[in-house]
């Protein structure tokens, strides 16, 4: 008797959250996402690292659930791409795609210092 394979064992593709097409993102959405200092900090850290980082690798002054919300807002604004490596959610800055859609905006933002 053959044993049926359990469903719910999700493929690797299912573990990648949905990402918007950068061409559908409005400047308003980007600016609203970057209006928050915690989200600007995340983008700055990813930019400075020059590599993909786990959510936990970025020291944030908020709870884990609030940090998750901030990462979600950045993903929906087209600024970051998230994917899993094992159980770790990785974050990548979508620099090339973003610069194509909004030339010079990201480099200008990275050159600015927050007045917190």
C-alpha atoms as a PDB file:
ATOM      1  CA  UNK A   1       0.000   0.000   0.000  1.00  0.00           C
ATOM      2  CA  UNK A   2       1.448   3.331  -1.062  1.00  0.00           C
ATOM      3  CA  UNK A   3       1.626   6.114   1.475  1.00  0.00           C
ATOM      4  CA  UNK A   4       0.366   9.454   0.231  1.00  0.00           C
ATOM      5  CA  UNK A   5       2.749  12.339   0.600  1.00  0.00           C
ATOM      6  CA  UNK A   6       1.569  14.926   3.067  1.00  0.00           C
ATOM      7  CA  UNK A   7       0.555  18.213   1.565  1.00  0.00           C
ATOM      8  CA  UNK A   8       1.505  21.362   3.395  1.00  0.00           C
ATOM      9  CA  UNK A   9       5.190  20.612   3.018  1.00  0.00           C
ATOM     10  CA  UNK A  10       5.378  23.857   0.971  1.00  0.00           C
ATOM     11  CA  UNK A  11       7.811  24.318  -1.818  1.00  0.00           C
ATOM     12  CA  UNK A  12      10.657  26.791  -1.620  1.00  0.00           C
ATOM     13  CA  UNK A  13       8.657  29.198  -3.814  1.00  0.00           C
ATOM     14  CA  UNK A  14       5.832  29.284  -1.239  1.00  0.00           C
ATOM     15  CA  UNK A  15       8.266  30.574   1.384  1.00  0.00           C
ATOM     16  CA  UNK A  16       9.028  33.712  -0.602  1.00  0.00           C
ATOM     17  CA  UNK A  17       6.570  36.462   0.321  1.00  0.00           C
ATOM     18  CA  UNK A  18       4.945  38.345  -2.568  1.00  0.00           C
ATOM     19  CA  UNK A  19       6.847  41.341  -3.922  1.00  0.00           C
ATOM     20  CA  UNK A  20       5.266  44.111  -5.959  1.00  0.00           C
ATOM     21  CA  UNK A  21       6.443  44.943  -9.441  1.00  0.00           C
ATOM     22  CA  UNK A  22       8.546  48.066  -8.946  1.00  0.00           C
ATOM     23  CA  UNK A  23       6.774  49.696 -11.909  1.00  0.00           C
ATOM     24  CA  UNK A  24       3.506  49.667  -9.936  1.00  0.00           C
ATOM     25  CA  UNK A  25       4.942  51.520  -6.934  1.00  0.00           C
ATOM     26  CA  UNK A  26       4.139  55.218  -6.610  1.00  0.00           C
ATOM     27  CA  UNK A  27       6.561  57.832  -5.324  1.00  0.00           C
ATOM     28  CA  UNK A  28       3.963  58.624  -2.641  1.00  0.00           C
ATOM     29  CA  UNK A  29       4.125  55.022  -1.358  1.00  0.00           C
ATOM     30  CA  UNK A  30       7.931  55.125  -1.231  1.00  0.00           C
ATOM     31  CA  UNK A  31       8.012  58.437   0.613  1.00  0.00           C
ATOM     32  CA  UNK A  32       5.406  57.255   3.120  1.00  0.00           C
ATOM     33  CA  UNK A  33       7.439  54.089   3.763  1.00  0.00           C
ATOM     34  CA  UNK A  34      10.599  56.127   4.317  1.00  0.00           C
ATOM     35  CA  UNK A  35       8.899  58.723   6.517  1.00  0.00           C
ATOM     36  CA  UNK A  36       9.481  56.488   9.529  1.00  0.00           C
ATOM     37  CA  UNK A  37      12.984  56.653  11.089  1.00  0.00           C
ATOM     38  CA  UNK A  38      13.006  52.915  11.893  1.00  0.00           C
ATOM     39  CA  UNK A  39      12.377  52.051   8.247  1.00  0.00           C
ATOM     40  CA  UNK A  40      15.044  54.509   7.086  1.00  0.00           C
ATOM     41  CA  UNK A  41      17.425  52.813   9.516  1.00  0.00           C
ATOM     42  CA  UNK A  42      16.661  49.402   8.002  1.00  0.00           C
ATOM     43  CA  UNK A  43      17.309  50.709   4.481  1.00  0.00           C
ATOM     44  CA  UNK A  44      20.544  52.415   5.590  1.00  0.00           C
ATOM     45  CA  UNK A  45      21.794  49.252   7.295  1.00  0.00           C
ATOM     46  CA  UNK A  46      21.078  47.144   4.212  1.00  0.00           C
ATOM     47  CA  UNK A  47      22.751  49.729   1.996  1.00  0.00           C
ATOM     48  CA  UNK A  48      25.854  49.932   4.208  1.00  0.00           C
ATOM     49  CA  UNK A  49      26.153  46.141   4.560  1.00  0.00           C
ATOM     50  CA  UNK A  50      26.480  45.535   0.809  1.00  0.00           C
ATOM     51  CA  UNK A  51      24.946  42.124   1.448  1.00  0.00           C
ATOM     52  CA  UNK A  52      21.630  40.594   2.399  1.00  0.00           C
ATOM     53  CA  UNK A  53      20.872  40.561   6.134  1.00  0.00           C
ATOM     54  CA  UNK A  54      18.521  38.652   8.396  1.00  0.00           C
ATOM     55  CA  UNK A  55      15.862  40.633  10.207  1.00  0.00           C
ATOM     56  CA  UNK A  56      17.635  39.994  13.509  1.00  0.00           C
ATOM     57  CA  UNK A  57      20.980  41.280  12.244  1.00  0.00           C
ATOM     58  CA  UNK A  58      19.617  44.813  12.228  1.00  0.00           C
ATOM     59  CA  UNK A  59      19.441  46.225  15.747  1.00  0.00           C
ATOM     60  CA  UNK A  60      16.141  48.077  16.016  1.00  0.00           C
ATOM     61  CA  UNK A  61      14.646  49.934  18.997  1.00  0.00           C
ATOM     62  CA  UNK A  62      11.253  48.220  18.560  1.00  0.00           C
ATOM     63  CA  UNK A  63       9.640  44.898  19.416  1.00  0.00           C
ATOM     64  CA  UNK A  64       9.980  41.939  17.069  1.00  0.00           C
ATOM     65  CA  UNK A  65       6.359  42.247  15.915  1.00  0.00           C
ATOM     66  CA  UNK A  66       6.776  45.965  15.209  1.00  0.00           C
ATOM     67  CA  UNK A  67       9.997  45.254  13.300  1.00  0.00           C
ATOM     68  CA  UNK A  68       8.105  42.683  11.221  1.00  0.00           C
ATOM     69  CA  UNK A  69       5.569  45.380  10.353  1.00  0.00           C
ATOM     70  CA  UNK A  70       8.339  47.776   9.274  1.00  0.00           C
ATOM     71  CA  UNK A  71       9.932  45.128   7.026  1.00  0.00           C
ATOM     72  CA  UNK A  72       6.498  44.438   5.517  1.00  0.00           C
ATOM     73  CA  UNK A  73       5.946  48.132   4.711  1.00  0.00           C
ATOM     74  CA  UNK A  74       9.369  48.331   3.044  1.00  0.00           C
ATOM     75  CA  UNK A  75       8.658  45.199   1.000  1.00  0.00           C
ATOM     76  CA  UNK A  76       5.275  46.544  -0.127  1.00  0.00           C
ATOM     77  CA  UNK A  77       6.933  49.839  -1.128  1.00  0.00           C
ATOM     78  CA  UNK A  78       9.347  47.916  -3.349  1.00  0.00           C
ATOM     79  CA  UNK A  79      12.459  48.820  -1.351  1.00  0.00           C
ATOM     80  CA  UNK A  80      13.416  45.360  -0.132  1.00  0.00           C
ATOM     81  CA  UNK A  81      13.140  41.764  -1.273  1.00  0.00           C
ATOM     82  CA  UNK A  82      12.689  39.041   1.340  1.00  0.00           C
ATOM     83  CA  UNK A  83      13.399  35.324   1.075  1.00  0.00           C
ATOM     84  CA  UNK A  84      14.254  32.448   3.374  1.00  0.00           C
ATOM     85  CA  UNK A  85      17.513  30.638   3.939  1.00  0.00           C
ATOM     86  CA  UNK A  86      16.593  27.791   6.237  1.00  0.00           C
ATOM     87  CA  UNK A  87      14.530  29.402   8.969  1.00  0.00           C
ATOM     88  CA  UNK A  88      16.057  32.864   8.560  1.00  0.00           C
ATOM     89  CA  UNK A  89      14.220  35.553   6.644  1.00  0.00           C
ATOM     90  CA  UNK A  90      16.751  37.424   4.553  1.00  0.00           C
ATOM     91  CA  UNK A  91      16.395  41.017   3.392  1.00  0.00           C
ATOM     92  CA  UNK A  92      17.921  42.473   0.254  1.00  0.00           C
ATOM     93  CA  UNK A  93      17.796  46.086  -0.824  1.00  0.00           C
ATOM     94  CA  UNK A  94      16.336  46.286  -4.352  1.00  0.00           C
ATOM     95  CA  UNK A  95      18.862  48.988  -5.307  1.00  0.00           C
ATOM     96  CA  UNK A  96      19.139  48.326  -9.038  1.00  0.00           C
ATOM     97  CA  UNK A  97      15.403  47.976  -9.623  1.00  0.00           C
ATOM     98  CA  UNK A  98      14.668  50.950  -7.400  1.00  0.00           C
ATOM     99  CA  UNK A  99      17.236  53.174  -9.126  1.00  0.00           C
ATOM    100  CA  UNK A 100      15.711  52.286 -12.470  1.00  0.00           C
ATOM    101  CA  UNK A 101      12.232  53.344 -11.292  1.00  0.00           C
ATOM    102  CA  UNK A 102      13.326  56.335  -9.180  1.00  0.00           C
ATOM    103  CA  UNK A 103      16.739  57.492 -10.465  1.00  0.00           C
ATOM    104  CA  UNK A 104      18.933  59.052  -7.790  1.00  0.00           C
ATOM    105  CA  UNK A 105      16.351  58.874  -4.992  1.00  0.00           C
ATOM    106  CA  UNK A 106      17.970  56.070  -3.008  1.00  0.00           C
ATOM    107  CA  UNK A 107      21.487  57.536  -3.220  1.00  0.00           C
ATOM    108  CA  UNK A 108      20.134  60.939  -2.156  1.00  0.00           C
ATOM    109  CA  UNK A 109      18.365  59.392   0.823  1.00  0.00           C
ATOM    110  CA  UNK A 110      21.466  57.445   1.838  1.00  0.00           C
ATOM    111  CA  UNK A 111      23.528  60.654   1.773  1.00  0.00           C
ATOM    112  CA  UNK A 112      21.170  62.370   4.240  1.00  0.00           C
ATOM    113  CA  UNK A 113      21.573  62.139   8.007  1.00  0.00           C
ATOM    114  CA  UNK A 114      18.538  61.773  10.242  1.00  0.00           C
ATOM    115  CA  UNK A 115      18.039  64.529  12.791  1.00  0.00           C
ATOM    116  CA  UNK A 116      16.693  62.307  15.578  1.00  0.00           C
END
